[in-house]
Amino acid sequence: MNTIEPPSTEAVTTTATTFGSTADLTSALIRAATAHGQHETRTGTADPNWPDWYAAYMVAEQAGTEPPL
């Protein structure tokens, strides 16, 4: 006997991030760099994983969610 599962009611979260122009991307990178500098000041150490931090910051900024600490 086969059973059919009902459709999921879970929300789907997307992290698709796009920029309308190179100027928009440049601005986002500058904002991420500024925020990352503040992050490194708070932690007191250089962050070797800065590309991951920048990416998480830029995705959160566009999604309207909390950026990384």
PDB file of N, CA and C in Angstrom:
ATOM      1  N   MET A   1       0.847  -1.189   0.000  1.00  0.00           N
ATOM      2  CA  MET A   1       0.000   0.000   0.000  1.00  0.00           C
ATOM      3  C   MET A   1       0.886   1.244   0.000  1.00  0.00           C
ATOM      4  N   ASN A   2       0.695   2.107  -0.952  1.00  0.00           N
ATOM      5  CA  ASN A   2       1.445   3.355  -1.042  1.00  0.00           C
ATOM      6  C   ASN A   2       0.671   4.466  -0.363  1.00  0.00           C
ATOM      7  N   THR A   3       1.409   5.305   0.363  1.00  0.00           N
ATOM      8  CA  THR A   3       0.766   6.482   0.952  1.00  0.00           C
ATOM      9  C   THR A   3       1.360   7.725   0.321  1.00  0.00           C
ATOM     10  N   ILE A   4       0.562   8.737   0.245  1.00  0.00           N
ATOM     11  CA  ILE A   4       1.011  10.006  -0.322  1.00  0.00           C
ATOM     12  C   ILE A   4       1.142  10.995   0.817  1.00  0.00           C
ATOM     13  N   GLU A   5       2.324  11.590   0.921  1.00  0.00           N
ATOM     14  CA  GLU A   5       2.584  12.577   1.961  1.00  0.00           C
ATOM     15  C   GLU A   5       1.947  13.907   1.568  1.00  0.00           C
ATOM     16  N   PRO A   6       1.334  14.600   2.534  1.00  0.00           N
ATOM     17  CA  PRO A   6       0.794  15.930   2.214  1.00  0.00           C
ATOM     18  C   PRO A   6       1.934  16.900   1.933  1.00  0.00           C
ATOM     19  N   PRO A   7       1.667  17.979   1.206  1.00  0.00           N
ATOM     20  CA  PRO A   7       2.727  18.957   0.925  1.00  0.00           C
ATOM     21  C   PRO A   7       3.239  19.576   2.221  1.00  0.00           C
ATOM     22  N   SER A   8       4.491  19.897   2.236  1.00  0.00           N
ATOM     23  CA  SER A   8       5.109  20.516   3.404  1.00  0.00           C
ATOM     24  C   SER A   8       4.565  21.922   3.598  1.00  0.00           C
ATOM     25  N   THR A   9       4.389  22.297   4.872  1.00  0.00           N
ATOM     26  CA  THR A   9       3.948  23.653   5.179  1.00  0.00           C
ATOM     27  C   THR A   9       5.106  24.499   5.701  1.00  0.00           C
ATOM     28  N   GLU A  10       6.319  23.937   5.669  1.00  0.00           N
ATOM     29  CA  GLU A  10       7.491  24.678   6.133  1.00  0.00           C
ATOM     30  C   GLU A  10       7.820  25.799   5.157  1.00  0.00           C
ATOM     31  N   ALA A  11       8.212  26.927   5.719  1.00  0.00           N
ATOM     32  CA  ALA A  11       8.619  28.058   4.890  1.00  0.00           C
ATOM     33  C   ALA A  11       9.972  27.764   4.248  1.00  0.00           C
ATOM     34  N   VAL A  12      10.136  28.207   3.043  1.00  0.00           N
ATOM     35  CA  VAL A  12      11.398  28.043   2.345  1.00  0.00           C
ATOM     36  C   VAL A  12      12.143  29.369   2.434  1.00  0.00           C
ATOM     37  N   THR A  13      13.385  29.292   2.878  1.00  0.00           N
ATOM     38  CA  THR A  13      14.206  30.494   2.978  1.00  0.00           C
ATOM     39  C   THR A  13      15.229  30.479   1.855  1.00  0.00           C
ATOM     40  N   THR A  14      15.309  31.560   1.164  1.00  0.00           N
ATOM     41  CA  THR A  14      16.300  31.662   0.098  1.00  0.00           C
ATOM     42  C   THR A  14      17.356  32.684   0.485  1.00  0.00           C
ATOM     43  N   THR A  15      18.554  32.432   0.056  1.00  0.00           N
ATOM     44  CA  THR A  15      19.633  33.383   0.308  1.00  0.00           C
ATOM     45  C   THR A  15      20.188  33.917  -1.005  1.00  0.00           C
ATOM     46  N   ALA A  16      19.346  33.898  -2.033  1.00  0.00           N
ATOM     47  CA  ALA A  16      19.768  34.446  -3.320  1.00  0.00           C
ATOM     48  C   ALA A  16      20.076  35.927  -3.137  1.00  0.00           C
ATOM     49  N   THR A  17      21.234  36.316  -3.589  1.00  0.00           N
ATOM     50  CA  THR A  17      21.673  37.695  -3.442  1.00  0.00           C
ATOM     51  C   THR A  17      22.106  38.204  -4.805  1.00  0.00           C
ATOM     52  N   THR A  18      21.500  39.308  -5.214  1.00  0.00           N
ATOM     53  CA  THR A  18      21.839  39.881  -6.510  1.00  0.00           C
ATOM     54  C   THR A  18      22.097  41.373  -6.370  1.00  0.00           C
ATOM     55  N   PHE A  19      22.810  41.894  -7.327  1.00  0.00           N
ATOM     56  CA  PHE A  19      23.117  43.315  -7.354  1.00  0.00           C
ATOM     57  C   PHE A  19      22.760  43.832  -8.735  1.00  0.00           C
ATOM     58  N   GLY A  20      22.157  45.015  -8.762  1.00  0.00           N
ATOM     59  CA  GLY A  20      21.680  45.583 -10.013  1.00  0.00           C
ATOM     60  C   GLY A  20      22.773  46.153 -10.891  1.00  0.00           C
ATOM     61  N   SER A  21      23.929  46.424 -10.294  1.00  0.00           N
ATOM     62  CA  SER A  21      25.014  47.017 -11.069  1.00  0.00           C
ATOM     63  C   SER A  21      26.332  46.784 -10.333  1.00  0.00           C
ATOM     64  N   THR A  22      27.416  47.048 -11.023  1.00  0.00           N
ATOM     65  CA  THR A  22      28.711  46.941 -10.353  1.00  0.00           C
ATOM     66  C   THR A  22      28.827  47.983  -9.248  1.00  0.00           C
ATOM     67  N   ALA A  23      28.197  49.138  -9.430  1.00  0.00           N
ATOM     68  CA  ALA A  23      28.223  50.167  -8.389  1.00  0.00           C
ATOM     69  C   ALA A  23      27.507  49.677  -7.126  1.00  0.00           C
ATOM     70  N   ASP A  24      26.387  48.966  -7.299  1.00  0.00           N
ATOM     71  CA  ASP A  24      25.679  48.407  -6.143  1.00  0.00           C
ATOM     72  C   ASP A  24      26.539  47.378  -5.421  1.00  0.00           C
ATOM     73  N   LEU A  25      27.208  46.523  -6.175  1.00  0.00           N
ATOM     74  CA  LEU A  25      28.093  45.526  -5.582  1.00  0.00           C
ATOM     75  C   LEU A  25      29.254  46.201  -4.866  1.00  0.00           C
ATOM     76  N   THR A  26      29.832  47.203  -5.485  1.00  0.00           N
ATOM     77  CA  THR A  26      30.927  47.949  -4.867  1.00  0.00           C
ATOM     78  C   THR A  26      30.480  48.553  -3.539  1.00  0.00           C
ATOM     79  N   SER A  27      29.318  49.166  -3.523  1.00  0.00           N
ATOM     80  CA  SER A  27      28.795  49.761  -2.291  1.00  0.00           C
ATOM     81  C   SER A  27      28.591  48.706  -1.207  1.00  0.00           C
ATOM     82  N   ALA A  28      28.057  47.552  -1.595  1.00  0.00           N
ATOM     83  CA  ALA A  28      27.840  46.469  -0.632  1.00  0.00           C
ATOM     84  C   ALA A  28      29.169  45.976  -0.059  1.00  0.00           C
ATOM     85  N   LEU A  29      30.183  45.869  -0.911  1.00  0.00           N
ATOM     86  CA  LEU A  29      31.504  45.437  -0.436  1.00  0.00           C
ATOM     87  C   LEU A  29      32.109  46.461   0.517  1.00  0.00           C
ATOM     88  N   ILE A  30      31.920  47.731   0.234  1.00  0.00           N
ATOM     89  CA  ILE A  30      32.438  48.778   1.123  1.00  0.00           C
ATOM     90  C   ILE A  30      31.728  48.724   2.471  1.00  0.00           C
ATOM     91  N   ARG A  31      30.392  48.547   2.463  1.00  0.00           N
ATOM     92  CA  ARG A  31      29.657  48.429   3.730  1.00  0.00           C
ATOM     93  C   ARG A  31      30.120  47.210   4.512  1.00  0.00           C
ATOM     94  N   ALA A  32      30.332  46.098   3.811  1.00  0.00           N
ATOM     95  CA  ALA A  32      30.806  44.881   4.474  1.00  0.00           C
ATOM     96  C   ALA A  32      32.201  45.092   5.049  1.00  0.00           C
ATOM     97  N   ALA A  33      33.072  45.770   4.310  1.00  0.00           N
ATOM     98  CA  ALA A  33      34.433  46.027   4.788  1.00  0.00           C
ATOM     99  C   ALA A  33      34.407  46.893   6.043  1.00  0.00           C
ATOM    100  N   THR A  34      33.556  47.905   6.048  1.00  0.00           N
ATOM    101  CA  THR A  34      33.441  48.779   7.219  1.00  0.00           C
ATOM    102  C   THR A  34      32.944  47.987   8.423  1.00  0.00           C
ATOM    103  N   ALA A  35      31.886  47.206   8.217  1.00  0.00           N
ATOM    104  CA  ALA A  35      31.330  46.402   9.311  1.00  0.00           C
ATOM    105  C   ALA A  35      32.338  45.355   9.785  1.00  0.00           C
ATOM    106  N   HIS A  36      33.090  44.792   8.852  1.00  0.00           N
ATOM    107  CA  HIS A  36      34.077  43.776   9.232  1.00  0.00           C
ATOM    108  C   HIS A  36      35.211  44.391  10.042  1.00  0.00           C
ATOM    109  N   GLY A  37      35.603  45.609   9.695  1.00  0.00           N
ATOM    110  CA  GLY A  37      36.612  46.304  10.492  1.00  0.00           C
ATOM    111  C   GLY A  37      36.136  46.487  11.924  1.00  0.00           C
ATOM    112  N   GLN A  38      34.864  46.829  12.096  1.00  0.00           N
ATOM    113  CA  GLN A  38      34.297  46.970  13.438  1.00  0.00           C
ATOM    114  C   GLN A  38      34.269  45.615  14.152  1.00  0.00           C
ATOM    115  N   HIS A  39      33.958  44.564  13.411  1.00  0.00           N
ATOM    116  CA  HIS A  39      33.963  43.203  13.956  1.00  0.00           C
ATOM    117  C   HIS A  39      35.358  42.836  14.468  1.00  0.00           C
ATOM    118  N   GLU A  40      36.378  43.101  13.664  1.00  0.00           N
ATOM    119  CA  GLU A  40      37.743  42.769  14.079  1.00  0.00           C
ATOM    120  C   GLU A  40      38.175  43.616  15.281  1.00  0.00           C
ATOM    121  N   THR A  41      37.718  44.848  15.350  1.00  0.00           N
ATOM    122  CA  THR A  41      38.019  45.685  16.508  1.00  0.00           C
ATOM    123  C   THR A  41      37.380  45.092  17.761  1.00  0.00           C
ATOM    124  N   ARG A  42      36.120  44.644  17.648  1.00  0.00           N
ATOM    125  CA  ARG A  42      35.428  44.032  18.790  1.00  0.00           C
ATOM    126  C   ARG A  42      36.120  42.754  19.254  1.00  0.00           C
ATOM    127  N   THR A  43      36.527  41.916  18.287  1.00  0.00           N
ATOM    128  CA  THR A  43      37.126  40.627  18.655  1.00  0.00           C
ATOM    129  C   THR A  43      38.604  40.763  19.010  1.00  0.00           C
ATOM    130  N   GLY A  44      39.233  41.849  18.553  1.00  0.00           N
ATOM    131  CA  GLY A  44      40.645  42.066  18.857  1.00  0.00           C
ATOM    132  C   GLY A  44      41.592  41.182  18.075  1.00  0.00           C
ATOM    133  N   THR A  45      41.109  40.577  16.986  1.00  0.00           N
ATOM    134  CA  THR A  45      41.981  39.728  16.171  1.00  0.00           C
ATOM    135  C   THR A  45      41.618  39.862  14.698  1.00  0.00           C
ATOM    136  N   ALA A  46      42.599  39.579  13.876  1.00  0.00           N
ATOM    137  CA  ALA A  46      42.350  39.540  12.433  1.00  0.00           C
ATOM    138  C   ALA A  46      41.525  38.292  12.121  1.00  0.00           C
ATOM    139  N   ASP A  47      40.620  38.401  11.179  1.00  0.00           N
ATOM    140  CA  ASP A  47      39.736  37.291  10.816  1.00  0.00           C
ATOM    141  C   ASP A  47      40.218  36.659   9.524  1.00  0.00           C
ATOM    142  N   PRO A  48      40.841  35.473   9.597  1.00  0.00           N
ATOM    143  CA  PRO A  48      41.334  34.839   8.374  1.00  0.00           C
ATOM    144  C   PRO A  48      40.192  34.359   7.467  1.00  0.00           C
ATOM    145  N   ASN A  49      38.993  34.259   8.009  1.00  0.00           N
ATOM    146  CA  ASN A  49      37.843  33.809   7.221  1.00  0.00           C
ATOM    147  C   ASN A  49      36.989  34.986   6.759  1.00  0.00           C
ATOM    148  N   TRP A  50      37.654  36.105   6.503  1.00  0.00           N
ATOM    149  CA  TRP A  50      36.907  37.298   6.122  1.00  0.00           C
ATOM    150  C   TRP A  50      36.021  37.122   4.891  1.00  0.00           C
ATOM    151  N   PRO A  51      36.398  36.312   3.884  1.00  0.00           N
ATOM    152  CA  PRO A  51      35.483  36.171   2.735  1.00  0.00           C
ATOM    153  C   PRO A  51      34.133  35.578   3.152  1.00  0.00           C
ATOM    154  N   ASP A  52      34.153  34.583   4.050  1.00  0.00           N
ATOM    155  CA  ASP A  52      32.906  33.998   4.537  1.00  0.00           C
ATOM    156  C   ASP A  52      32.090  35.037   5.302  1.00  0.00           C
ATOM    157  N   TRP A  53      32.773  35.850   6.116  1.00  0.00           N
ATOM    158  CA  TRP A  53      32.094  36.879   6.912  1.00  0.00           C
ATOM    159  C   TRP A  53      31.452  37.906   5.983  1.00  0.00           C
ATOM    160  N   TYR A  54      32.206  38.365   4.983  1.00  0.00           N
ATOM    161  CA  TYR A  54      31.672  39.336   4.018  1.00  0.00           C
ATOM    162  C   TYR A  54      30.419  38.761   3.342  1.00  0.00           C
ATOM    163  N   ALA A  55      30.514  37.520   2.883  1.00  0.00           N
ATOM    164  CA  ALA A  55      29.386  36.896   2.183  1.00  0.00           C
ATOM    165  C   ALA A  55      28.165  36.819   3.095  1.00  0.00           C
ATOM    166  N   ALA A  56      28.364  36.367   4.331  1.00  0.00           N
ATOM    167  CA  ALA A  56      27.244  36.270   5.273  1.00  0.00           C
ATOM    168  C   ALA A  56      26.649  37.647   5.546  1.00  0.00           C
ATOM    169  N   TYR A  57      27.488  38.657   5.670  1.00  0.00           N
ATOM    170  CA  TYR A  57      27.019  40.026   5.915  1.00  0.00           C
ATOM    171  C   TYR A  57      26.186  40.528   4.742  1.00  0.00           C
ATOM    172  N   MET A  58      26.681  40.325   3.536  1.00  0.00           N
ATOM    173  CA  MET A  58      26.000  40.839   2.351  1.00  0.00           C
ATOM    174  C   MET A  58      24.664  40.123   2.116  1.00  0.00           C
ATOM    175  N   VAL A  59      24.620  38.827   2.367  1.00  0.00           N
ATOM    176  CA  VAL A  59      23.367  38.091   2.233  1.00  0.00           C
ATOM    177  C   VAL A  59      22.370  38.567   3.288  1.00  0.00           C
ATOM    178  N   ALA A  60      22.828  38.703   4.538  1.00  0.00           N
ATOM    179  CA  ALA A  60      21.943  39.161   5.617  1.00  0.00           C
ATOM    180  C   ALA A  60      21.423  40.564   5.339  1.00  0.00           C
ATOM    181  N   GLU A  61      22.281  41.413   4.821  1.00  0.00           N
ATOM    182  CA  GLU A  61      21.871  42.793   4.520  1.00  0.00           C
ATOM    183  C   GLU A  61      20.727  42.809   3.507  1.00  0.00           C
ATOM    184  N   GLN A  62      20.850  42.014   2.460  1.00  0.00           N
ATOM    185  CA  GLN A  62      19.791  41.992   1.446  1.00  0.00           C
ATOM    186  C   GLN A  62      18.542  41.296   1.942  1.00  0.00           C
ATOM    187  N   ALA A  63      18.707  40.286   2.812  1.00  0.00           N
ATOM    188  CA  ALA A  63      17.557  39.540   3.319  1.00  0.00           C
ATOM    189  C   ALA A  63      16.836  40.263   4.448  1.00  0.00           C
ATOM    190  N   GLY A  64      17.494  41.288   5.002  1.00  0.00           N
ATOM    191  CA  GLY A  64      16.901  42.013   6.119  1.00  0.00           C
ATOM    192  C   GLY A  64      16.966  41.236   7.416  1.00  0.00           C
ATOM    193  N   THR A  65      17.990  40.369   7.534  1.00  0.00           N
ATOM    194  CA  THR A  65      18.169  39.588   8.749  1.00  0.00           C
ATOM    195  C   THR A  65      19.394  40.104   9.509  1.00  0.00           C
ATOM    196  N   GLU A  66      19.610  39.561  10.688  1.00  0.00           N
ATOM    197  CA  GLU A  66      20.740  39.989  11.505  1.00  0.00           C
ATOM    198  C   GLU A  66      22.056  39.604  10.834  1.00  0.00           C
ATOM    199  N   PRO A  67      22.970  40.549  10.731  1.00  0.00           N
ATOM    200  CA  PRO A  67      24.286  40.233  10.155  1.00  0.00           C
ATOM    201  C   PRO A  67      25.123  39.440  11.160  1.00  0.00           C
ATOM    202  N   PRO A  68      26.218  38.841  10.710  1.00  0.00           N
ATOM    203  CA  PRO A  68      27.080  38.110  11.645  1.00  0.00           C
ATOM    204  C   PRO A  68      27.674  39.057  12.672  1.00  0.00           C
ATOM    205  N   LEU A  69      28.016  38.525  13.798  1.00  0.00           N
ATOM    206  CA  LEU A  69      28.643  39.350  14.851  1.00  0.00           C
ATOM    207  C   LEU A  69      30.130  39.405  14.698  1.00  0.00           C
TER     208      LEU A  69
END
